[in-house]
N, C-alpha and C. Protein backbone atom coordinates (compact mmCIF):
# COMPACT_ATOMS: atom_id res chain seq x y z
N MET A 1 -25.68 -15.67 -40.37
CA MET A 1 -24.86 -14.43 -40.03
C MET A 1 -24.07 -14.45 -38.92
N GLU A 2 -22.94 -14.05 -39.06
CA GLU A 2 -21.63 -14.02 -38.08
C GLU A 2 -21.51 -12.49 -37.29
N LEU A 3 -21.36 -12.71 -36.28
CA LEU A 3 -20.80 -11.84 -34.96
C LEU A 3 -19.66 -11.65 -34.36
N GLY A 4 -18.50 -11.04 -34.99
CA GLY A 4 -17.11 -11.21 -34.23
C GLY A 4 -16.74 -12.36 -34.49
N GLY A 5 -16.74 -12.97 -36.04
CA GLY A 5 -15.97 -13.98 -36.25
C GLY A 5 -16.59 -15.33 -35.49
N MET A 6 -17.62 -15.27 -34.91
CA MET A 6 -18.43 -16.22 -34.16
C MET A 6 -20.09 -17.09 -34.83
N GLU A 7 -20.35 -17.50 -35.30
CA GLU A 7 -21.83 -17.75 -35.66
C GLU A 7 -22.82 -17.39 -34.85
N ARG A 8 -23.80 -17.13 -34.73
CA ARG A 8 -24.94 -16.68 -33.65
C ARG A 8 -25.29 -17.94 -33.63
N LYS A 9 -26.06 -18.08 -32.17
CA LYS A 9 -26.90 -19.42 -31.68
C LYS A 9 -27.87 -20.15 -33.09
N GLU A 10 -27.65 -21.29 -33.69
CA GLU A 10 -28.54 -21.75 -34.57
C GLU A 10 -29.32 -21.56 -34.35
N ARG A 11 -30.93 -21.16 -35.80
CA ARG A 11 -31.86 -21.11 -35.70
C ARG A 11 -32.58 -22.39 -35.76
N MET A 12 -33.50 -22.28 -34.84
CA MET A 12 -34.60 -23.76 -35.24
C MET A 12 -35.47 -23.86 -36.34
N ALA A 13 -36.13 -24.77 -37.22
CA ALA A 13 -36.83 -25.02 -38.49
C ALA A 13 -38.10 -24.71 -37.38
N THR A 14 -39.34 -24.26 -37.96
CA THR A 14 -40.65 -24.02 -37.82
C THR A 14 -41.40 -25.18 -37.81
N GLU A 15 -42.59 -24.92 -37.31
CA GLU A 15 -43.64 -26.14 -37.36
C GLU A 15 -43.76 -25.88 -38.61
N LYS A 16 -44.32 -25.16 -39.15
CA LYS A 16 -44.51 -24.85 -40.51
C LYS A 16 -43.50 -25.65 -41.48
N LYS A 17 -42.45 -25.58 -41.26
CA LYS A 17 -41.70 -26.63 -42.08
C LYS A 17 -41.42 -27.84 -41.77
N ILE A 18 -41.02 -28.30 -40.49
CA ILE A 18 -41.79 -29.51 -40.15
C ILE A 18 -42.89 -29.88 -40.47
N ASP A 19 -44.36 -29.32 -40.67
CA ASP A 19 -45.19 -29.93 -41.39
C ASP A 19 -45.02 -30.39 -42.86
N GLU A 20 -44.37 -29.57 -43.44
CA GLU A 20 -44.03 -29.69 -44.91
C GLU A 20 -43.46 -30.43 -45.62
N LEU A 21 -42.11 -30.87 -44.61
CA LEU A 21 -41.77 -31.91 -44.49
C LEU A 21 -42.06 -33.42 -44.19
N LEU A 22 -42.81 -33.32 -43.26
CA LEU A 22 -43.73 -34.70 -42.52
C LEU A 22 -44.47 -34.76 -43.47
N LYS A 23 -45.48 -33.83 -44.33
CA LYS A 23 -46.41 -34.67 -45.08
C LYS A 23 -45.77 -35.20 -46.38
N ILE A 24 -44.65 -34.52 -47.15
CA ILE A 24 -44.16 -35.16 -48.26
C ILE A 24 -43.30 -36.72 -47.86
N ALA A 25 -43.36 -36.72 -46.84
CA ALA A 25 -42.03 -38.06 -45.99
C ALA A 25 -43.66 -39.24 -45.86
N VAL A 26 -44.60 -38.62 -45.43
CA VAL A 26 -45.81 -39.36 -45.27
C VAL A 26 -46.24 -40.08 -46.92
N THR A 27 -46.45 -38.85 -47.89
CA THR A 27 -46.87 -39.29 -49.22
C THR A 27 -46.18 -39.96 -50.01
N LEU A 28 -44.84 -39.80 -49.51
CA LEU A 28 -43.98 -41.05 -50.10
C LEU A 28 -43.41 -42.44 -49.49
N GLU A 29 -44.19 -42.32 -48.49
CA GLU A 29 -43.83 -43.74 -47.85
C GLU A 29 -42.22 -43.92 -47.16
N LEU A 30 -41.69 -42.44 -46.69
CA LEU A 30 -40.42 -42.73 -46.10
C LEU A 30 -40.39 -43.60 -45.20
N ASP A 31 -39.40 -44.64 -45.12
CA ASP A 31 -38.63 -45.27 -43.97
C ASP A 31 -38.43 -44.02 -43.01
N GLY A 32 -39.11 -44.57 -41.74
CA GLY A 32 -38.63 -43.61 -40.26
C GLY A 32 -39.96 -42.66 -40.14
N VAL A 33 -40.75 -42.88 -41.14
CA VAL A 33 -41.88 -41.78 -41.13
C VAL A 33 -42.92 -41.70 -39.20
N GLU A 34 -42.97 -42.89 -39.03
CA GLU A 34 -43.39 -43.20 -37.78
C GLU A 34 -42.71 -42.60 -36.62
N PHE A 35 -41.27 -43.09 -36.88
CA PHE A 35 -40.44 -42.54 -35.96
C PHE A 35 -40.50 -41.21 -35.34
N ILE A 36 -40.58 -40.18 -36.72
CA ILE A 36 -40.18 -39.03 -36.12
C ILE A 36 -41.72 -38.39 -35.77
N GLN A 37 -42.69 -39.25 -36.21
CA GLN A 37 -44.10 -38.72 -35.83
C GLN A 37 -44.23 -39.04 -34.61
N SER A 38 -43.90 -39.66 -33.75
CA SER A 38 -43.84 -40.03 -32.56
C SER A 38 -42.95 -39.04 -31.11
N LEU A 39 -42.27 -38.02 -32.07
CA LEU A 39 -41.29 -36.94 -30.98
C LEU A 39 -42.13 -35.60 -31.09
N ASP A 40 -42.11 -34.61 -30.30
CA ASP A 40 -42.67 -33.44 -30.46
C ASP A 40 -41.87 -32.79 -31.05
N TYR A 41 -42.83 -31.74 -31.13
CA TYR A 41 -42.94 -30.54 -32.31
C TYR A 41 -41.35 -29.84 -31.73
N ALA A 42 -41.25 -29.64 -30.50
CA ALA A 42 -40.02 -28.89 -30.29
C ALA A 42 -38.94 -29.66 -30.25
N THR A 43 -38.86 -30.60 -30.08
CA THR A 43 -37.26 -31.96 -30.76
C THR A 43 -37.51 -31.66 -32.50
N LEU A 44 -37.77 -31.75 -32.85
CA LEU A 44 -38.12 -31.89 -34.25
C LEU A 44 -37.56 -30.17 -34.58
N CYS A 45 -38.33 -29.32 -34.25
CA CYS A 45 -37.82 -28.16 -34.57
C CYS A 45 -36.24 -27.65 -34.18
N ARG A 46 -35.83 -28.31 -33.01
CA ARG A 46 -34.61 -28.16 -32.72
C ARG A 46 -33.39 -28.76 -33.08
N GLU A 47 -33.59 -30.08 -33.52
CA GLU A 47 -33.02 -30.63 -33.97
C GLU A 47 -32.50 -31.04 -35.39
N TYR A 48 -33.51 -30.50 -36.56
CA TYR A 48 -33.43 -30.81 -37.56
C TYR A 48 -32.87 -29.40 -37.78
N ASN A 49 -31.77 -29.55 -39.05
CA ASN A 49 -30.59 -28.34 -39.22
C ASN A 49 -30.48 -28.28 -40.67
N GLY A 50 -31.36 -28.86 -41.56
CA GLY A 50 -31.19 -29.01 -42.94
C GLY A 50 -30.08 -30.03 -43.74
N ILE A 51 -29.97 -29.79 -44.82
CA ILE A 51 -28.61 -30.97 -45.45
C ILE A 51 -27.70 -30.67 -44.68
N GLY A 52 -26.67 -31.27 -44.64
CA GLY A 52 -25.33 -30.74 -43.92
C GLY A 52 -24.88 -30.79 -42.63
N PRO A 53 -23.72 -31.06 -42.85
CA PRO A 53 -23.23 -31.67 -41.20
C PRO A 53 -23.60 -30.55 -40.23
N GLU A 54 -23.47 -30.49 -39.00
CA GLU A 54 -23.73 -29.82 -37.79
C GLU A 54 -22.51 -28.68 -37.83
N TRP A 55 -21.22 -29.40 -38.22
CA TRP A 55 -19.61 -29.04 -37.82
C TRP A 55 -20.05 -26.96 -39.27
N ALA A 56 -20.34 -27.55 -40.44
CA ALA A 56 -20.39 -26.45 -41.17
C ALA A 56 -20.74 -25.38 -41.39
N GLY A 57 -21.67 -25.25 -39.99
CA GLY A 57 -22.74 -23.81 -40.05
C GLY A 57 -23.67 -23.37 -40.80
N ARG A 58 -24.34 -22.97 -40.27
CA ARG A 58 -25.51 -22.52 -40.77
C ARG A 58 -25.60 -21.89 -42.29
N ARG A 59 -24.41 -21.38 -42.52
CA ARG A 59 -24.49 -20.84 -44.17
C ARG A 59 -24.18 -21.83 -45.11
N VAL A 60 -23.72 -22.64 -45.09
CA VAL A 60 -23.01 -23.58 -45.43
C VAL A 60 -24.20 -24.85 -45.59
N ARG A 61 -24.75 -25.16 -44.57
CA ARG A 61 -26.36 -25.96 -44.55
C ARG A 61 -27.36 -25.39 -45.29
N ASP A 62 -27.52 -23.89 -45.01
CA ASP A 62 -28.27 -23.39 -45.87
C ASP A 62 -28.22 -23.59 -47.40
N TRP A 63 -27.26 -22.79 -48.03
CA TRP A 63 -26.65 -23.60 -49.37
C TRP A 63 -26.99 -24.30 -49.76
N ILE A 64 -26.39 -25.65 -48.92
CA ILE A 64 -26.79 -27.14 -49.32
C ILE A 64 -28.21 -27.51 -49.63
N THR A 65 -28.73 -27.04 -48.39
CA THR A 65 -30.01 -27.51 -48.41
C THR A 65 -30.62 -26.63 -49.74
N GLY A 66 -30.44 -25.27 -49.83
CA GLY A 66 -30.91 -24.86 -51.38
C GLY A 66 -30.77 -25.39 -52.49
N LYS A 67 -29.88 -26.34 -52.60
CA LYS A 67 -29.38 -26.68 -53.83
C LYS A 67 -29.76 -28.28 -53.74
N PHE A 68 -30.30 -28.70 -52.83
CA PHE A 68 -30.62 -30.12 -53.00
C PHE A 68 -31.74 -30.65 -51.90
N GLY A 69 -32.56 -29.47 -51.59
CA GLY A 69 -33.50 -29.44 -51.20
C GLY A 69 -34.71 -30.87 -51.56
N VAL A 70 -34.70 -31.03 -52.54
CA VAL A 70 -35.70 -32.24 -52.57
C VAL A 70 -35.37 -33.17 -51.78
N PHE A 71 -34.16 -33.33 -51.23
CA PHE A 71 -33.71 -34.51 -50.01
C PHE A 71 -34.18 -34.32 -48.25
N GLU A 72 -34.86 -33.09 -48.70
CA GLU A 72 -34.86 -32.55 -46.70
C GLU A 72 -35.68 -33.61 -46.14
N PRO A 73 -36.89 -34.08 -46.58
CA PRO A 73 -37.27 -34.74 -45.94
C PRO A 73 -36.39 -35.89 -45.24
N ALA A 74 -35.92 -36.86 -45.76
CA ALA A 74 -34.96 -37.88 -45.62
C ALA A 74 -33.75 -37.11 -44.65
N ALA A 75 -33.42 -35.90 -45.00
CA ALA A 75 -32.49 -35.47 -43.94
C ALA A 75 -33.14 -35.24 -42.30
N LEU A 76 -34.27 -34.89 -42.45
CA LEU A 76 -35.17 -34.62 -40.99
C LEU A 76 -35.45 -35.97 -40.30
N ILE A 77 -35.51 -36.88 -41.29
CA ILE A 77 -35.60 -38.30 -40.42
C ILE A 77 -34.24 -38.34 -40.20
N HIS A 78 -33.55 -38.29 -41.16
CA HIS A 78 -31.54 -38.68 -40.44
C HIS A 78 -31.44 -37.84 -39.49
N ASP A 79 -31.55 -36.31 -39.37
CA ASP A 79 -31.07 -35.84 -38.25
C ASP A 79 -31.79 -36.31 -37.11
N LEU A 80 -33.10 -36.81 -36.97
CA LEU A 80 -33.57 -37.21 -35.89
C LEU A 80 -32.90 -38.38 -35.45
N ARG A 81 -32.64 -39.13 -36.32
CA ARG A 81 -32.03 -40.62 -36.07
C ARG A 81 -30.91 -40.40 -35.20
N ASN A 82 -29.95 -39.28 -35.77
CA ASN A 82 -28.98 -38.95 -35.22
C ASN A 82 -29.14 -38.42 -33.35
N TYR A 83 -30.12 -37.61 -33.56
CA TYR A 83 -30.45 -37.18 -32.30
C TYR A 83 -30.46 -38.61 -31.39
N GLU A 84 -31.20 -39.37 -31.64
CA GLU A 84 -31.30 -40.53 -31.04
C GLU A 84 -30.36 -41.58 -30.80
N SER A 85 -29.37 -41.64 -31.49
CA SER A 85 -28.14 -42.31 -31.44
C SER A 85 -28.39 -43.13 -30.39
N ASP A 86 -27.76 -44.41 -30.41
CA ASP A 86 -27.79 -45.46 -29.67
C ASP A 86 -25.98 -45.81 -29.72
N ASP A 87 -25.01 -44.74 -30.05
CA ASP A 87 -23.61 -45.16 -30.31
C ASP A 87 -23.00 -46.52 -30.63
N THR A 88 -24.14 -47.24 -31.56
CA THR A 88 -23.65 -48.64 -32.06
C THR A 88 -23.32 -48.53 -33.81
N ARG A 89 -22.29 -49.00 -33.50
CA ARG A 89 -21.93 -49.42 -35.59
C ARG A 89 -23.50 -49.54 -36.16
N ARG A 90 -24.47 -50.66 -35.35
CA ARG A 90 -25.39 -51.08 -36.06
C ARG A 90 -26.53 -49.93 -36.40
N GLY A 91 -26.77 -49.23 -35.20
CA GLY A 91 -27.65 -48.09 -35.29
C GLY A 91 -27.37 -47.07 -36.11
N PHE A 92 -25.89 -46.91 -36.40
CA PHE A 92 -25.26 -46.02 -37.16
C PHE A 92 -25.40 -46.41 -38.77
N ASN A 93 -25.32 -47.60 -38.88
CA ASN A 93 -25.36 -48.07 -40.35
C ASN A 93 -27.17 -48.30 -40.85
N TYR A 94 -27.70 -48.19 -39.85
CA TYR A 94 -29.12 -48.41 -40.00
C TYR A 94 -29.79 -46.67 -40.41
N ALA A 95 -29.24 -45.68 -39.55
CA ALA A 95 -29.64 -44.66 -39.95
C ALA A 95 -29.38 -44.31 -41.32
N ASN A 96 -28.19 -44.62 -41.48
CA ASN A 96 -27.30 -44.41 -42.83
C ASN A 96 -28.30 -44.98 -43.88
N TYR A 97 -28.11 -45.97 -43.98
CA TYR A 97 -28.75 -46.68 -44.99
C TYR A 97 -30.31 -46.20 -45.06
N GLU A 98 -31.01 -46.07 -44.17
CA GLU A 98 -32.43 -45.33 -43.85
C GLU A 98 -32.58 -44.03 -45.14
N PHE A 99 -31.68 -43.29 -44.81
CA PHE A 99 -31.31 -41.95 -45.55
C PHE A 99 -31.28 -42.50 -47.00
N PHE A 100 -30.22 -43.41 -47.28
CA PHE A 100 -29.91 -43.53 -48.64
C PHE A 100 -31.28 -44.13 -49.42
N ILE A 101 -31.85 -44.71 -48.65
CA ILE A 101 -32.98 -45.32 -49.51
C ILE A 101 -34.24 -44.78 -49.62
N ASN A 102 -34.18 -43.60 -48.66
CA ASN A 102 -35.34 -42.42 -48.35
C ASN A 102 -34.60 -41.57 -49.61
N CYS A 103 -33.69 -41.21 -49.71
CA CYS A 103 -33.29 -40.33 -50.68
C CYS A 103 -33.56 -41.17 -52.13
N LEU A 104 -33.43 -42.38 -52.64
CA LEU A 104 -33.76 -42.90 -53.87
C LEU A 104 -35.02 -42.97 -54.15
N LYS A 105 -35.70 -42.90 -52.48
CA LYS A 105 -37.69 -42.82 -52.93
C LYS A 105 -38.00 -41.63 -53.34
N ILE A 106 -37.36 -40.72 -52.99
CA ILE A 106 -37.88 -39.04 -53.28
C ILE A 106 -37.09 -38.83 -54.98
N ALA A 107 -36.01 -39.36 -55.03
CA ALA A 107 -35.03 -39.03 -56.74
C ALA A 107 -36.55 -40.13 -57.66
N ASP A 108 -36.92 -41.25 -57.00
CA ASP A 108 -37.78 -41.71 -58.24
C ASP A 108 -39.18 -41.04 -58.36
N ALA A 109 -39.52 -40.37 -56.96
CA ALA A 109 -40.82 -39.72 -57.07
C ALA A 109 -40.75 -38.60 -57.82
N SER A 110 -39.78 -37.85 -57.81
CA SER A 110 -39.44 -37.04 -58.34
C SER A 110 -39.30 -36.53 -59.87
N TYR A 111 -38.61 -37.69 -60.62
CA TYR A 111 -38.53 -37.27 -61.89
C TYR A 111 -39.05 -38.59 -62.53
N PRO A 112 -38.99 -38.52 -63.71
CA PRO A 112 -39.74 -39.44 -64.49
C PRO A 112 -38.48 -40.41 -65.11
N TRP A 113 -38.87 -41.97 -65.01
CA TRP A 113 -37.57 -42.86 -65.25
C TRP A 113 -36.78 -42.41 -66.22
N TYR A 114 -37.65 -41.80 -67.36
CA TYR A 114 -36.51 -41.32 -68.52
C TYR A 114 -35.86 -40.22 -68.47
N SER A 115 -35.77 -39.47 -67.37
CA SER A 115 -35.05 -38.24 -67.24
C SER A 115 -33.83 -38.68 -66.71
N TRP A 116 -32.81 -37.71 -67.03
CA TRP A 116 -31.44 -37.88 -66.56
C TRP A 116 -31.35 -37.11 -65.02
N ARG A 117 -32.52 -36.43 -64.62
CA ARG A 117 -32.58 -35.72 -63.58
C ARG A 117 -32.73 -36.66 -62.47
N ARG A 118 -33.58 -37.37 -62.98
CA ARG A 118 -33.82 -38.72 -62.13
C ARG A 118 -32.23 -39.90 -61.47
N TYR A 119 -31.56 -39.88 -62.51
CA TYR A 119 -30.17 -40.39 -62.34
C TYR A 119 -29.46 -39.60 -61.61
N ARG A 120 -29.17 -38.28 -61.94
CA ARG A 120 -28.37 -37.16 -61.03
C ARG A 120 -29.20 -37.36 -59.66
N ALA A 121 -30.11 -37.32 -59.52
CA ALA A 121 -30.55 -37.23 -58.00
C ALA A 121 -30.18 -38.67 -57.44
N ARG A 122 -30.33 -39.44 -57.78
CA ARG A 122 -30.17 -40.99 -57.43
C ARG A 122 -28.09 -40.60 -57.02
N ALA A 123 -27.55 -40.26 -58.23
CA ALA A 123 -26.29 -40.57 -57.92
C ALA A 123 -25.58 -39.48 -56.52
N LEU A 124 -26.68 -38.04 -56.57
CA LEU A 124 -26.11 -37.85 -55.37
C LEU A 124 -26.44 -38.13 -53.81
N ALA A 125 -27.94 -39.01 -54.17
CA ALA A 125 -28.14 -39.88 -53.21
C ALA A 125 -26.73 -41.12 -52.63
N MET A 126 -26.36 -41.70 -53.67
CA MET A 126 -25.08 -42.10 -53.57
C MET A 126 -24.06 -41.31 -52.85
N ALA A 127 -23.94 -40.06 -53.31
CA ALA A 127 -22.71 -39.47 -52.65
C ALA A 127 -22.95 -39.05 -51.08
N MET A 128 -24.09 -38.34 -50.96
CA MET A 128 -24.69 -38.46 -49.52
C MET A 128 -24.52 -39.54 -48.72
N PHE A 129 -24.77 -40.69 -49.44
CA PHE A 129 -24.56 -41.71 -48.48
C PHE A 129 -22.99 -42.08 -48.02
N ASP A 130 -22.44 -41.63 -48.90
CA ASP A 130 -20.92 -42.03 -48.57
C ASP A 130 -20.52 -40.79 -47.46
N PHE A 131 -21.05 -39.79 -47.93
CA PHE A 131 -20.29 -38.56 -46.68
C PHE A 131 -21.12 -39.14 -45.56
N VAL A 132 -21.90 -39.39 -45.45
CA VAL A 132 -22.58 -39.43 -43.94
C VAL A 132 -21.99 -40.91 -43.25
N SER A 133 -21.87 -41.83 -44.23
CA SER A 133 -21.43 -43.20 -43.43
C SER A 133 -20.10 -43.35 -43.38
N GLY A 134 -19.13 -41.93 -43.34
CA GLY A 134 -17.88 -41.93 -43.43
C GLY A 134 -17.25 -41.36 -42.26
N PRO A 135 -16.24 -41.41 -41.48
CA PRO A 135 -15.35 -40.96 -40.50
C PRO A 135 -16.32 -39.84 -39.66
N GLY A 136 -16.63 -38.75 -40.39
CA GLY A 136 -17.22 -37.47 -40.03
C GLY A 136 -18.45 -38.23 -39.61
N GLY A 137 -19.41 -38.78 -40.72
CA GLY A 137 -20.28 -39.25 -39.86
C GLY A 137 -20.60 -40.12 -38.41
N TRP A 138 -19.49 -40.96 -38.26
CA TRP A 138 -19.39 -41.65 -36.93
C TRP A 138 -19.29 -40.70 -36.17
N THR A 139 -18.30 -39.68 -36.60
CA THR A 139 -18.23 -38.53 -35.27
C THR A 139 -19.41 -38.14 -34.88
N ALA A 140 -20.16 -38.08 -35.76
CA ALA A 140 -21.18 -37.09 -35.52
C ALA A 140 -22.47 -37.82 -34.40
N TRP A 141 -22.35 -39.06 -34.94
CA TRP A 141 -23.25 -40.17 -34.41
C TRP A 141 -22.85 -40.39 -32.98
N HIS A 142 -21.46 -40.67 -32.63
CA HIS A 142 -21.14 -40.86 -31.39
C HIS A 142 -21.50 -39.25 -30.48
N ASP A 143 -21.06 -38.23 -31.17
CA ASP A 143 -20.91 -36.70 -30.24
C ASP A 143 -22.50 -36.81 -30.28
N CYS A 144 -23.68 -36.89 -31.18
CA CYS A 144 -25.21 -37.12 -30.66
C CYS A 144 -25.38 -37.75 -29.54
N TYR A 145 -24.88 -39.09 -29.26
CA TYR A 145 -24.91 -39.93 -28.12
C TYR A 145 -24.47 -39.63 -26.79
N GLU A 146 -23.39 -38.57 -26.94
CA GLU A 146 -22.67 -38.21 -25.64
C GLU A 146 -23.33 -36.87 -25.49
N LYS A 147 -24.03 -35.98 -26.41
CA LYS A 147 -24.93 -34.83 -25.85
C LYS A 147 -25.86 -35.20 -25.10
N LYS A 148 -26.51 -36.58 -25.89
CA LYS A 148 -27.70 -36.93 -25.25
C LYS A 148 -27.48 -37.53 -23.62
N LEU A 149 -26.36 -38.30 -23.63
CA LEU A 149 -25.95 -38.56 -22.14
C LEU A 149 -25.80 -37.44 -21.36
N ASN A 150 -25.19 -36.83 -21.67
CA ASN A 150 -24.73 -34.94 -20.95
C ASN A 150 -26.50 -34.36 -20.79
N GLN A 151 -27.49 -34.66 -21.33
CA GLN A 151 -28.40 -33.78 -21.40
C GLN A 151 -29.07 -34.58 -20.28
N GLN A 152 -29.20 -35.89 -19.89
CA GLN A 152 -29.63 -36.93 -18.90
C GLN A 152 -29.10 -36.74 -17.75
N THR A 153 -28.22 -36.10 -17.35
CA THR A 153 -27.08 -36.05 -16.41
C THR A 153 -26.91 -34.33 -16.28
N ASN A 154 -27.31 -33.64 -17.15
CA ASN A 154 -27.37 -32.33 -16.83
C ASN A 154 -25.92 -31.71 -16.78
N LYS A 155 -25.07 -32.85 -17.14
CA LYS A 155 -23.37 -32.08 -17.37
C LYS A 155 -23.34 -31.09 -18.57
N PRO A 156 -22.42 -30.16 -18.64
CA PRO A 156 -22.13 -29.61 -20.00
C PRO A 156 -21.52 -30.63 -20.94
N THR A 157 -21.69 -30.28 -22.31
CA THR A 157 -21.06 -31.20 -23.08
C THR A 157 -19.70 -29.97 -23.48
N ASN A 158 -18.87 -31.01 -24.51
CA ASN A 158 -17.97 -30.20 -24.84
C ASN A 158 -18.32 -28.58 -26.08
N GLN A 159 -19.10 -28.81 -26.55
CA GLN A 159 -19.68 -27.28 -27.17
C GLN A 159 -20.25 -26.37 -26.15
N GLN A 160 -20.82 -26.91 -25.12
CA GLN A 160 -21.59 -26.00 -24.16
C GLN A 160 -20.48 -25.27 -23.04
N THR A 161 -19.12 -25.72 -23.21
CA THR A 161 -17.89 -25.35 -22.46
C THR A 161 -17.04 -24.28 -23.09
N ASN A 162 -16.81 -25.22 -24.70
CA ASN A 162 -16.12 -23.97 -25.24
C ASN A 162 -16.19 -22.78 -25.73
């Protein structure tokens, strides 16, 4: 919802939503499950923003998440990998490849091998991988790292000062 042309403060995911996504991630044996299970609920709820880039805004991410919600467990893990960004290409590539593999696992588990939906979901996984691996994804990875550094030193980020 917008107020005066500016989006209101982002709402956080609920613990119930995080539990649902974690249950699916564990059941499907997604890569990175142990990593997100090591984080506290406050962090999981605060940092998970659905499917889509943070800069797109809540309404756009809500729409994307509604259309492609089957991939939410992979997006949860990916969002938290970004939160823990180390600002290296290796870390960036690892997080994106893990996201891609998890999306493929979800597509394969969601539809039988003979269904066209399975292959559409796999193609969508490739398109999302291309998107998160591009320049916008790198910028987000770097911004998350800077945000983490600024939080550690209690300095305001550019987003907080604008």
